[in-house]
PDB file of N, CA and C in Angstrom:
ATOM      1  N   UNK A   1      90.304  79.884  99.429  1.00  0.00           N
ATOM      2  CA  UNK A   1      90.603  80.238 100.802  1.00  0.00           C
ATOM      3  C   UNK A   1      89.477  81.138 101.312  1.00  0.00           C
ATOM      4  N   UNK A   2      88.880  80.787 102.403  1.00  0.00           N
ATOM      5  CA  UNK A   2      87.819  81.611 102.954  1.00  0.00           C
ATOM      6  C   UNK A   2      88.406  82.844 103.616  1.00  0.00           C
ATOM      7  N   UNK A   3      87.627  83.910 103.612  1.00  0.00           N
ATOM      8  CA  UNK A   3      88.092  85.149 104.212  1.00  0.00           C
ATOM      9  C   UNK A   3      89.012  85.949 103.320  1.00  0.00           C
ATOM     10  N   UNK A   4      89.079  85.606 102.047  1.00  0.00           N
ATOM     11  CA  UNK A   4      89.979  86.266 101.109  1.00  0.00           C
ATOM     12  C   UNK A   4      89.174  87.118 100.133  1.00  0.00           C
ATOM     13  N   UNK A   5      89.621  88.339  99.950  1.00  0.00           N
ATOM     14  CA  UNK A   5      89.063  89.206  98.924  1.00  0.00           C
ATOM     15  C   UNK A   5      90.210  89.480  97.969  1.00  0.00           C
ATOM     16  N   UNK A   6      89.942  89.345  96.674  1.00  0.00           N
ATOM     17  CA  UNK A   6      91.010  89.463  95.696  1.00  0.00           C
ATOM     18  C   UNK A   6      90.534  90.274  94.505  1.00  0.00           C
ATOM     19  N   UNK A   7      91.448  90.994  93.907  1.00  0.00           N
ATOM     20  CA  UNK A   7      91.145  91.718  92.682  1.00  0.00           C
ATOM     21  C   UNK A   7      92.328  91.570  91.749  1.00  0.00           C
ATOM     22  N   UNK A   8      92.050  91.203  90.526  1.00  0.00           N
ATOM     23  CA  UNK A   8      93.107  91.052  89.552  1.00  0.00           C
ATOM     24  C   UNK A   8      92.719  91.661  88.223  1.00  0.00           C
ATOM     25  N   UNK A   9      93.707  92.020  87.457  1.00  0.00           N
ATOM     26  CA  UNK A   9      93.513  92.575  86.130  1.00  0.00           C
ATOM     27  C   UNK A   9      94.343  91.724  85.186  1.00  0.00           C
ATOM     28  N   UNK A  10      93.779  91.289  84.053  1.00  0.00           N
ATOM     29  CA  UNK A  10      94.559  90.477  83.121  1.00  0.00           C
ATOM     30  C   UNK A  10      95.887  91.147  82.778  1.00  0.00           C
ATOM     31  N   UNK A  11      96.945  90.379  82.843  1.00  0.00           N
ATOM     32  CA  UNK A  11      98.272  90.885  82.530  1.00  0.00           C
ATOM     33  C   UNK A  11      98.985  91.516  83.712  1.00  0.00           C
ATOM     34  N   UNK A  12      98.284  91.598  84.859  1.00  0.00           N
ATOM     35  CA  UNK A  12      98.904  92.146  86.062  1.00  0.00           C
ATOM     36  C   UNK A  12      98.685  91.175  87.204  1.00  0.00           C
ATOM     37  N   UNK A  13      99.430  91.364  88.260  1.00  0.00           N
ATOM     38  CA  UNK A  13      99.266  90.520  89.442  1.00  0.00           C
ATOM     39  C   UNK A  13      98.024  90.949  90.217  1.00  0.00           C
ATOM     40  N   UNK A  14      97.504  90.046  90.976  1.00  0.00           N
ATOM     41  CA  UNK A  14      96.320  90.330  91.774  1.00  0.00           C
ATOM     42  C   UNK A  14      96.706  90.904  93.136  1.00  0.00           C
ATOM     43  N   UNK A  15      95.800  91.659  93.702  1.00  0.00           N
ATOM     44  CA  UNK A  15      95.946  92.136  95.072  1.00  0.00           C
ATOM     45  C   UNK A  15      94.997  91.339  95.939  1.00  0.00           C
ATOM     46  N   UNK A  16      95.450  90.953  97.117  1.00  0.00           N
ATOM     47  CA  UNK A  16      94.647  90.140  98.018  1.00  0.00           C
ATOM     48  C   UNK A  16      94.577  90.807  99.382  1.00  0.00           C
ATOM     49  N   UNK A  17      93.488  90.538 100.095  1.00  0.00           N
ATOM     50  CA  UNK A  17      93.347  91.028 101.464  1.00  0.00           C
ATOM     51  C   UNK A  17      92.430  90.082 102.224  1.00  0.00           C
ATOM     52  N   UNK A  18      92.662  89.956 103.511  1.00  0.00           N
ATOM     53  CA  UNK A  18      91.758  89.203 104.371  1.00  0.00           C
ATOM     54  C   UNK A  18      90.444  89.974 104.445  1.00  0.00           C
ATOM     55  N   UNK A  19      89.339  89.270 104.600  1.00  0.00           N
ATOM     56  CA  UNK A  19      88.029  89.901 104.598  1.00  0.00           C
ATOM     57  C   UNK A  19      87.920  91.010 105.651  1.00  0.00           C
ATOM     58  N   UNK A  20      88.468  90.809 106.843  1.00  0.00           N
ATOM     59  CA  UNK A  20      88.396  91.839 107.887  1.00  0.00           C
ATOM     60  C   UNK A  20      89.155  93.096 107.468  1.00  0.00           C
ATOM     61  N   UNK A  21      90.287  92.924 106.815  1.00  0.00           N
ATOM     62  CA  UNK A  21      91.061  94.057 106.321  1.00  0.00           C
ATOM     63  C   UNK A  21      90.286  94.755 105.203  1.00  0.00           C
ATOM     64  N   UNK A  22      89.692  93.973 104.329  1.00  0.00           N
ATOM     65  CA  UNK A  22      88.922  94.537 103.223  1.00  0.00           C
ATOM     66  C   UNK A  22      87.725  95.337 103.736  1.00  0.00           C
ATOM     67  N   UNK A  23      87.032  94.822 104.751  1.00  0.00           N
ATOM     68  CA  UNK A  23      85.882  95.542 105.311  1.00  0.00           C
ATOM     69  C   UNK A  23      86.321  96.877 105.912  1.00  0.00           C
ATOM     70  N   UNK A  24      87.465  96.885 106.584  1.00  0.00           N
ATOM     71  CA  UNK A  24      87.991  98.149 107.125  1.00  0.00           C
ATOM     72  C   UNK A  24      88.347  99.092 105.988  1.00  0.00           C
ATOM     73  N   UNK A  25      88.915  98.566 104.912  1.00  0.00           N
ATOM     74  CA  UNK A  25      89.261  99.384 103.747  1.00  0.00           C
ATOM     75  C   UNK A  25      88.000  99.990 103.130  1.00  0.00           C
ATOM     76  N   UNK A  26      86.917  99.214 103.080  1.00  0.00           N
ATOM     77  CA  UNK A  26      85.654  99.747 102.552  1.00  0.00           C
ATOM     78  C   UNK A  26      85.150 100.902 103.406  1.00  0.00           C
ATOM     79  N   UNK A  27      85.249 100.768 104.729  1.00  0.00           N
ATOM     80  CA  UNK A  27      84.819 101.860 105.607  1.00  0.00           C
ATOM     81  C   UNK A  27      85.647 103.122 105.355  1.00  0.00           C
ATOM     82  N   UNK A  28      86.954 102.962 105.218  1.00  0.00           N
ATOM     83  CA  UNK A  28      87.812 104.105 104.932  1.00  0.00           C
ATOM     84  C   UNK A  28      87.479 104.721 103.576  1.00  0.00           C
ATOM     85  N   UNK A  29      87.228 103.874 102.608  1.00  0.00           N
ATOM     86  CA  UNK A  29      86.893 104.338 101.260  1.00  0.00           C
ATOM     87  C   UNK A  29      85.581 105.120 101.268  1.00  0.00           C
ATOM     88  N   UNK A  30      84.591 104.613 101.985  1.00  0.00           N
ATOM     89  CA  UNK A  30      83.308 105.312 102.073  1.00  0.00           C
ATOM     90  C   UNK A  30      83.456 106.658 102.783  1.00  0.00           C
ATOM     91  N   UNK A  31      84.317 106.725 103.775  1.00  0.00           N
ATOM     92  CA  UNK A  31      84.576 108.000 104.454  1.00  0.00           C
ATOM     93  C   UNK A  31      85.206 108.995 103.486  1.00  0.00           C
ATOM     94  N   UNK A  32      86.138 108.523 102.688  1.00  0.00           N
ATOM     95  CA  UNK A  32      86.774 109.387 101.685  1.00  0.00           C
ATOM     96  C   UNK A  32      85.745 109.842 100.651  1.00  0.00           C
ATOM     97  N   UNK A  33      84.867 108.937 100.251  1.00  0.00           N
ATOM     98  CA  UNK A  33      83.820 109.274  99.287  1.00  0.00           C
ATOM     99  C   UNK A  33      82.950 110.408  99.825  1.00  0.00           C
ATOM    100  N   UNK A  34      82.507 110.277 101.065  1.00  0.00           N
ATOM    101  CA  UNK A  34      81.651 111.306 101.664  1.00  0.00           C
ATOM    102  C   UNK A  34      82.371 112.653 101.720  1.00  0.00           C
ATOM    103  N   UNK A  35      83.630 112.637 102.100  1.00  0.00           N
ATOM    104  CA  UNK A  35      84.389 113.886 102.178  1.00  0.00           C
ATOM    105  C   UNK A  35      84.599 114.505 100.800  1.00  0.00           C
ATOM    106  N   UNK A  36      84.957 113.687  99.831  1.00  0.00           N
ATOM    107  CA  UNK A  36      85.199 114.204  98.485  1.00  0.00           C
ATOM    108  C   UNK A  36      83.928 114.715  97.819  1.00  0.00           C
ATOM    109  N   UNK A  37      82.853 113.985  97.975  1.00  0.00           N
ATOM    110  CA  UNK A  37      81.621 114.352  97.288  1.00  0.00           C
ATOM    111  C   UNK A  37      80.918 115.537  97.945  1.00  0.00           C
ATOM    112  N   UNK A  38      81.417 115.983  99.095  1.00  0.00           N
ATOM    113  CA  UNK A  38      80.884 117.190  99.707  1.00  0.00           C
ATOM    114  C   UNK A  38      81.268 118.435  98.904  1.00  0.00           C
ATOM    115  N   UNK A  39      82.300 118.280  98.084  1.00  0.00           N
ATOM    116  CA  UNK A  39      82.724 119.368  97.194  1.00  0.00           C
ATOM    117  C   UNK A  39      81.867 119.325  95.937  1.00  0.00           C
ATOM    118  N   UNK A  40      81.184 120.414  95.630  1.00  0.00           N
ATOM    119  CA  UNK A  40      80.255 120.438  94.501  1.00  0.00           C
ATOM    120  C   UNK A  40      80.907 120.095  93.165  1.00  0.00           C
ATOM    121  N   UNK A  41      82.119 120.591  92.946  1.00  0.00           N
ATOM    122  CA  UNK A  41      82.785 120.340  91.669  1.00  0.00           C
ATOM    123  C   UNK A  41      83.118 118.854  91.502  1.00  0.00           C
ATOM    124  N   UNK A  42      83.560 118.235  92.579  1.00  0.00           N
ATOM    125  CA  UNK A  42      83.897 116.807  92.530  1.00  0.00           C
ATOM    126  C   UNK A  42      82.638 115.989  92.293  1.00  0.00           C
ATOM    127  N   UNK A  43      81.580 116.315  93.027  1.00  0.00           N
ATOM    128  CA  UNK A  43      80.312 115.606  92.877  1.00  0.00           C
ATOM    129  C   UNK A  43      79.775 115.733  91.444  1.00  0.00           C
ATOM    130  N   UNK A  44      79.810 116.934  90.900  1.00  0.00           N
ATOM    131  CA  UNK A  44      79.323 117.167  89.538  1.00  0.00           C
ATOM    132  C   UNK A  44      80.131 116.366  88.525  1.00  0.00           C
ATOM    133  N   UNK A  45      81.436 116.344  88.684  1.00  0.00           N
ATOM    134  CA  UNK A  45      82.296 115.594  87.757  1.00  0.00           C
ATOM    135  C   UNK A  45      82.068 114.094  87.888  1.00  0.00           C
ATOM    136  N   UNK A  46      81.904 113.594  89.119  1.00  0.00           N
ATOM    137  CA  UNK A  46      81.668 112.167  89.317  1.00  0.00           C
ATOM    138  C   UNK A  46      80.345 111.760  88.672  1.00  0.00           C
ATOM    139  N   UNK A  47      79.324 112.593  88.793  1.00  0.00           N
ATOM    140  CA  UNK A  47      78.032 112.323  88.156  1.00  0.00           C
ATOM    141  C   UNK A  47      78.166 112.354  86.639  1.00  0.00           C
ATOM    142  N   UNK A  48      78.941 113.316  86.124  1.00  0.00           N
ATOM    143  CA  UNK A  48      79.133 113.432  84.677  1.00  0.00           C
ATOM    144  C   UNK A  48      79.799 112.176  84.108  1.00  0.00           C
ATOM    145  N   UNK A  49      80.736 111.619  84.861  1.00  0.00           N
ATOM    146  CA  UNK A  49      81.435 110.409  84.398  1.00  0.00           C
ATOM    147  C   UNK A  49      80.576 109.152  84.480  1.00  0.00           C
ATOM    148  N   UNK A  50      79.492 109.213  85.236  1.00  0.00           N
ATOM    149  CA  UNK A  50      78.613 108.053  85.424  1.00  0.00           C
ATOM    150  C   UNK A  50      77.160 108.454  85.164  1.00  0.00           C
ATOM    151  N   UNK A  51      76.843 108.769  83.922  1.00  0.00           N
ATOM    152  CA  UNK A  51      75.486 109.238  83.617  1.00  0.00           C
ATOM    153  C   UNK A  51      74.438 108.160  83.906  1.00  0.00           C
ATOM    154  N   UNK A  52      73.335 108.592  84.492  1.00  0.00           N
ATOM    155  CA  UNK A  52      72.230 107.688  84.760  1.00  0.00           C
ATOM    156  C   UNK A  52      72.369 106.870  86.033  1.00  0.00           C
ATOM    157  N   UNK A  53      73.469 107.016  86.754  1.00  0.00           N
ATOM    158  CA  UNK A  53      73.668 106.267  87.994  1.00  0.00           C
ATOM    159  C   UNK A  53      72.887 106.916  89.129  1.00  0.00           C
ATOM    160  N   UNK A  54      72.303 106.099  89.980  1.00  0.00           N
ATOM    161  CA  UNK A  54      71.653 106.610  91.189  1.00  0.00           C
ATOM    162  C   UNK A  54      72.741 106.974  92.197  1.00  0.00           C
ATOM    163  N   UNK A  55      72.334 107.637  93.280  1.00  0.00           N
ATOM    164  CA  UNK A  55      73.315 107.985  94.322  1.00  0.00           C
ATOM    165  C   UNK A  55      74.004 106.733  94.860  1.00  0.00           C
ATOM    166  N   UNK A  56      73.231 105.682  95.083  1.00  0.00           N
ATOM    167  CA  UNK A  56      73.793 104.428  95.604  1.00  0.00           C
ATOM    168  C   UNK A  56      74.787 103.820  94.618  1.00  0.00           C
ATOM    169  N   UNK A  57      74.458 103.848  93.323  1.00  0.00           N
ATOM    170  CA  UNK A  57      75.357 103.282  92.323  1.00  0.00           C
ATOM    171  C   UNK A  57      76.615 104.133  92.140  1.00  0.00           C
ATOM    172  N   UNK A  58      76.491 105.444  92.327  1.00  0.00           N
ATOM    173  CA  UNK A  58      77.676 106.300  92.283  1.00  0.00           C
ATOM    174  C   UNK A  58      78.634 105.944  93.421  1.00  0.00           C
ATOM    175  N   UNK A  59      78.068 105.694  94.596  1.00  0.00           N
ATOM    176  CA  UNK A  59      78.876 105.293  95.747  1.00  0.00           C
ATOM    177  C   UNK A  59      79.537 103.946  95.498  1.00  0.00           C
ATOM    178  N   UNK A  60      78.780 103.002  94.983  1.00  0.00           N
ATOM    179  CA  UNK A  60      79.331 101.673  94.695  1.00  0.00           C
ATOM    180  C   UNK A  60      80.428 101.733  93.638  1.00  0.00           C
ATOM    181  N   UNK A  61      80.256 102.584  92.637  1.00  0.00           N
ATOM    182  CA  UNK A  61      81.284 102.734  91.600  1.00  0.00           C
ATOM    183  C   UNK A  61      82.581 103.267  92.195  1.00  0.00           C
ATOM    184  N   UNK A  62      82.467 104.201  93.124  1.00  0.00           N
ATOM    185  CA  UNK A  62      83.646 104.752  93.781  1.00  0.00           C
ATOM    186  C   UNK A  62      84.358 103.680  94.600  1.00  0.00           C
ATOM    187  N   UNK A  63      83.583 102.952  95.377  1.00  0.00           N
ATOM    188  CA  UNK A  63      84.178 101.893  96.211  1.00  0.00           C
ATOM    189  C   UNK A  63      84.837 100.845  95.322  1.00  0.00           C
ATOM    190  N   UNK A  64      84.157 100.410  94.284  1.00  0.00           N
ATOM    191  CA  UNK A  64      84.711  99.395  93.384  1.00  0.00           C
ATOM    192  C   UNK A  64      86.040  99.856  92.786  1.00  0.00           C
ATOM    193  N   UNK A  65      86.127 101.143  92.445  1.00  0.00           N
ATOM    194  CA  UNK A  65      87.333 101.649  91.795  1.00  0.00           C
ATOM    195  C   UNK A  65      88.493 101.884  92.771  1.00  0.00           C
ATOM    196  N   UNK A  66      88.176 102.356  93.993  1.00  0.00           N
ATOM    197  CA  UNK A  66      89.242 102.825  94.875  1.00  0.00           C
ATOM    198  C   UNK A  66      89.464 102.021  96.149  1.00  0.00           C
ATOM    199  N   UNK A  67      88.656 101.016  96.438  1.00  0.00           N
ATOM    200  CA  UNK A  67      88.760 100.340  97.731  1.00  0.00           C
ATOM    201  C   UNK A  67      90.138  99.724  97.981  1.00  0.00           C
ATOM    202  N   UNK A  68      90.773  99.178  96.959  1.00  0.00           N
ATOM    203  CA  UNK A  68      92.067  98.556  97.188  1.00  0.00           C
ATOM    204  C   UNK A  68      93.168  99.582  97.442  1.00  0.00           C
ATOM    205  N   UNK A  69      92.891 100.850  97.199  1.00  0.00           N
ATOM    206  CA  UNK A  69      93.845 101.904  97.576  1.00  0.00           C
ATOM    207  C   UNK A  69      93.865 102.107  99.086  1.00  0.00           C
ATOM    208  N   UNK A  70      92.838 101.612  99.766  1.00  0.00           N
ATOM    209  CA  UNK A  70      92.714 101.799 101.202  1.00  0.00           C
ATOM    210  C   UNK A  70      93.090 100.558 101.999  1.00  0.00           C
ATOM    211  N   UNK A  71      93.584  99.526 101.351  1.00  0.00           N
ATOM    212  CA  UNK A  71      93.921  98.292 102.061  1.00  0.00           C
ATOM    213  C   UNK A  71      95.121  98.492 102.987  1.00  0.00           C
ATOM    214  N   UNK A  72      96.162  99.141 102.519  1.00  0.00           N
ATOM    215  CA  UNK A  72      97.340  99.362 103.383  1.00  0.00           C
ATOM    216  C   UNK A  72      96.984 100.215 104.605  1.00  0.00           C
ATOM    217  N   UNK A  73      96.258 101.334 104.432  1.00  0.00           N
ATOM    218  CA  UNK A  73      95.854 102.084 105.632  1.00  0.00           C
ATOM    219  C   UNK A  73      94.935 101.268 106.547  1.00  0.00           C
ATOM    220  N   UNK A  74      94.117 100.408 105.982  1.00  0.00           N
ATOM    221  CA  UNK A  74      93.241  99.563 106.801  1.00  0.00           C
ATOM    222  C   UNK A  74      94.058  98.598 107.653  1.00  0.00           C
ATOM    223  N   UNK A  75      95.097  98.020 107.067  1.00  0.00           N
ATOM    224  CA  UNK A  75      95.978  97.126 107.828  1.00  0.00           C
ATOM    225  C   UNK A  75      96.623  97.883 108.984  1.00  0.00           C
ATOM    226  N   UNK A  76      97.104  99.078 108.696  1.00  0.00           N
ATOM    227  CA  UNK A  76      97.753  99.890 109.730  1.00  0.00           C
ATOM    228  C   UNK A  76      96.769 100.266 110.835  1.00  0.00           C
ATOM    229  N   UNK A  77      95.552 100.600 110.460  1.00  0.00           N
ATOM    230  CA  UNK A  77      94.544 100.963 111.449  1.00  0.00           C
ATOM    231  C   UNK A  77      94.199  99.775 112.341  1.00  0.00           C
ATOM    232  N   UNK A  78      94.045  98.605 111.739  1.00  0.00           N
ATOM    233  CA  UNK A  78      93.761  97.407 112.532  1.00  0.00           C
ATOM    234  C   UNK A  78      94.923  97.084 113.465  1.00  0.00           C
ATOM    235  N   UNK A  79      96.141  97.224 112.972  1.00  0.00           N
ATOM    236  CA  UNK A  79      97.314  96.960 113.816  1.00  0.00           C
ATOM    237  C   UNK A  79      97.368  97.943 114.984  1.00  0.00           C
ATOM    238  N   UNK A  80      97.024  99.179 114.743  1.00  0.00           N
ATOM    239  CA  UNK A  80      97.030 100.178 115.818  1.00  0.00           C
ATOM    240  C   UNK A  80      95.976  99.853 116.873  1.00  0.00           C
ATOM    241  N   UNK A  81      94.884  99.240 116.464  1.00  0.00           N
ATOM    242  CA  UNK A  81      93.830  98.873 117.421  1.00  0.00           C
ATOM    243  C   UNK A  81      94.295  97.810 118.411  1.00  0.00           C
ATOM    244  N   UNK A  82      95.337  97.076 118.056  1.00  0.00           N
ATOM    245  CA  UNK A  82      95.842  96.052 118.980  1.00  0.00           C
ATOM    246  C   UNK A  82      96.362  96.662 120.277  1.00  0.00           C
ATOM    247  N   UNK A  83      96.772  97.917 120.229  1.00  0.00           N
ATOM    248  CA  UNK A  83      97.259  98.568 121.454  1.00  0.00           C
ATOM    249  C   UNK A  83      96.164  99.376 122.149  1.00  0.00           C
ATOM    250  N   UNK A  84      94.962  99.368 121.583  1.00  0.00           N
ATOM    251  CA  UNK A  84      93.842 100.102 122.194  1.00  0.00           C
ATOM    252  C   UNK A  84      93.238  99.286 123.341  1.00  0.00           C
ATOM    253  N   UNK A  85      92.572  99.954 124.257  1.00  0.00           N
ATOM    254  CA  UNK A  85      91.941  99.231 125.373  1.00  0.00           C
ATOM    255  C   UNK A  85      90.602  98.593 124.943  1.00  0.00           C
ATOM    256  N   UNK A  86      90.690  97.494 124.208  1.00  0.00           N
ATOM    257  CA  UNK A  86      89.502  96.750 123.790  1.00  0.00           C
ATOM    258  C   UNK A  86      89.589  95.348 124.387  1.00  0.00           C
ATOM    259  N   UNK A  87      88.477  94.632 124.329  1.00  0.00           N
ATOM    260  CA  UNK A  87      88.485  93.303 124.968  1.00  0.00           C
ATOM    261  C   UNK A  87      89.403  92.336 124.220  1.00  0.00           C
ATOM    262  N   UNK A  88      89.808  91.304 124.917  1.00  0.00           N
ATOM    263  CA  UNK A  88      90.767  90.341 124.363  1.00  0.00           C
ATOM    264  C   UNK A  88      90.214  89.583 123.171  1.00  0.00           C
ATOM    265  N   UNK A  89      88.908  89.334 123.139  1.00  0.00           N
ATOM    266  CA  UNK A  89      88.319  88.628 121.997  1.00  0.00           C
ATOM    267  C   UNK A  89      88.472  89.454 120.720  1.00  0.00           C
ATOM    268  N   UNK A  90      88.237  90.763 120.833  1.00  0.00           N
ATOM    269  CA  UNK A  90      88.401  91.641 119.674  1.00  0.00           C
ATOM    270  C   UNK A  90      89.863  91.698 119.243  1.00  0.00           C
ATOM    271  N   UNK A  91      90.765  91.780 120.208  1.00  0.00           N
ATOM    272  CA  UNK A  91      92.202  91.794 119.880  1.00  0.00           C
ATOM    273  C   UNK A  91      92.625  90.501 119.193  1.00  0.00           C
ATOM    274  N   UNK A  92      92.112  89.385 119.688  1.00  0.00           N
ATOM    275  CA  UNK A  92      92.452  88.091 119.090  1.00  0.00           C
ATOM    276  C   UNK A  92      91.942  88.018 117.656  1.00  0.00           C
ATOM    277  N   UNK A  93      90.724  88.501 117.419  1.00  0.00           N
ATOM    278  CA  UNK A  93      90.161  88.488 116.065  1.00  0.00           C
ATOM    279  C   UNK A  93      90.987  89.356 115.124  1.00  0.00           C
ATOM    280  N   UNK A  94      91.380  90.530 115.587  1.00  0.00           N
ATOM    281  CA  UNK A  94      92.199  91.421 114.761  1.00  0.00           C
ATOM    282  C   UNK A  94      93.560  90.792 114.497  1.00  0.00           C
ATOM    283  N   UNK A  95      94.163  90.250 115.536  1.00  0.00           N
ATOM    284  CA  UNK A  95      95.473  89.615 115.383  1.00  0.00           C
ATOM    285  C   UNK A  95      95.413  88.467 114.379  1.00  0.00           C
ATOM    286  N   UNK A  96      94.400  87.616 114.499  1.00  0.00           N
ATOM    287  CA  UNK A  96      94.255  86.491 113.576  1.00  0.00           C
ATOM    288  C   UNK A  96      94.052  86.968 112.143  1.00  0.00           C
ATOM    289  N   UNK A  97      93.225  88.000 111.975  1.00  0.00           N
ATOM    290  CA  UNK A  97      92.985  88.532 110.628  1.00  0.00           C
ATOM    291  C   UNK A  97      94.276  89.083 110.028  1.00  0.00           C
ATOM    292  N   UNK A  98      95.043  89.827 110.821  1.00  0.00           N
ATOM    293  CA  UNK A  98      96.301  90.377 110.307  1.00  0.00           C
ATOM    294  C   UNK A  98      97.331  89.283 110.037  1.00  0.00           C
ATOM    295  N   UNK A  99      97.332  88.265 110.880  1.00  0.00           N
ATOM    296  CA  UNK A  99      98.249  87.145 110.672  1.00  0.00           C
ATOM    297  C   UNK A  99      97.915  86.417 109.370  1.00  0.00           C
ATOM    298  N   UNK A 100      96.637  86.122 109.164  1.00  0.00           N
ATOM    299  CA  UNK A 100      96.224  85.469 107.920  1.00  0.00           C
ATOM    300  C   UNK A 100      96.435  86.388 106.729  1.00  0.00           C
ATOM    301  N   UNK A 101      96.184  87.673 106.902  1.00  0.00           N
ATOM    302  CA  UNK A 101      96.401  88.634 105.826  1.00  0.00           C
ATOM    303  C   UNK A 101      97.870  88.684 105.432  1.00  0.00           C
ATOM    304  N   UNK A 102      98.750  88.517 106.399  1.00  0.00           N
ATOM    305  CA  UNK A 102     100.190  88.548 106.124  1.00  0.00           C
ATOM    306  C   UNK A 102     100.658  87.414 105.235  1.00  0.00           C
ATOM    307  N   UNK A 103      99.847  86.352 105.125  1.00  0.00           N
ATOM    308  CA  UNK A 103     100.218  85.243 104.251  1.00  0.00           C
ATOM    309  C   UNK A 103      99.831  85.512 102.799  1.00  0.00           C
ATOM    310  N   UNK A 104      99.087  86.582 102.553  1.00  0.00           N
ATOM    311  CA  UNK A 104      98.610  86.897 101.204  1.00  0.00           C
ATOM    312  C   UNK A 104      99.560  87.889 100.540  1.00  0.00           C
ATOM    313  N   UNK A 105     100.769  87.479 100.313  1.00  0.00           N
ATOM    314  CA  UNK A 105     101.817  88.391  99.865  1.00  0.00           C
ATOM    315  C   UNK A 105     101.781  88.725  98.376  1.00  0.00           C
ATOM    316  N   UNK A 106     101.132  87.909  97.582  1.00  0.00           N
ATOM    317  CA  UNK A 106     101.139  88.130  96.129  1.00  0.00           C
ATOM    318  C   UNK A 106     100.521  89.489  95.800  1.00  0.00           C
ATOM    319  N   UNK A 107     101.256  90.309  95.117  1.00  0.00           N
ATOM    320  CA  UNK A 107     100.748  91.592  94.680  1.00  0.00           C
ATOM    321  C   UNK A 107     100.915  92.722  95.676  1.00  0.00           C
ATOM    322  N   UNK A 108     101.529  92.459  96.815  1.00  0.00           N
ATOM    323  CA  UNK A 108     101.686  93.521  97.807  1.00  0.00           C
ATOM    324  C   UNK A 108     102.538  94.649  97.271  1.00  0.00           C
ATOM    325  N   UNK A 109     102.148  95.834  97.619  1.00  0.00           N
ATOM    326  CA  UNK A 109     102.931  96.996  97.248  1.00  0.00           C
ATOM    327  C   UNK A 109     102.725  97.464  95.830  1.00  0.00           C
ATOM    328  N   UNK A 110     101.810  96.827  95.116  1.00  0.00           N
ATOM    329  CA  UNK A 110     101.536  97.230  93.730  1.00  0.00           C
ATOM    330  C   UNK A 110     100.120  97.749  93.646  1.00  0.00           C
ATOM    331  N   UNK A 111      99.987  98.939  93.156  1.00  0.00           N
ATOM    332  CA  UNK A 111      98.648  99.506  93.002  1.00  0.00           C
ATOM    333  C   UNK A 111      98.079  99.103  91.644  1.00  0.00           C
ATOM    334  N   UNK A 112      96.828  98.746  91.644  1.00  0.00           N
ATOM    335  CA  UNK A 112      96.137  98.472  90.391  1.00  0.00           C
ATOM    336  C   UNK A 112      95.406  99.718  89.965  1.00  0.00           C
ATOM    337  N   UNK A 113      95.352  99.943  88.690  1.00  0.00           N
ATOM    338  CA  UNK A 113      94.658 101.142  88.184  1.00  0.00           C
ATOM    339  C   UNK A 113      93.454 100.739  87.398  1.00  0.00           C
TER     340      UNK A 113
END
């Protein structure tokens, strides 16, 4: 299925999201990364856990690990944008993405660790 981003762990169910929802989740995750890493202790510990990683790879490791934690807030944020004063084409794109995302029910409500 095009527009689908999925993550699964052997022995557990997979989590799925529409690509537009996933991209919003990545933006939220990156915002959280920037806020968290502004704290010296957090930054030092994250570097300690990933020895030899560049700044870019540290960021990618964070996104890879936590992005699916931001999928539900991303869905809510996109849904809230439907009531914002934006053009109809943008609203239609968001609506379609959320509608298609709603068909990806497998694994909903389960966090992967």
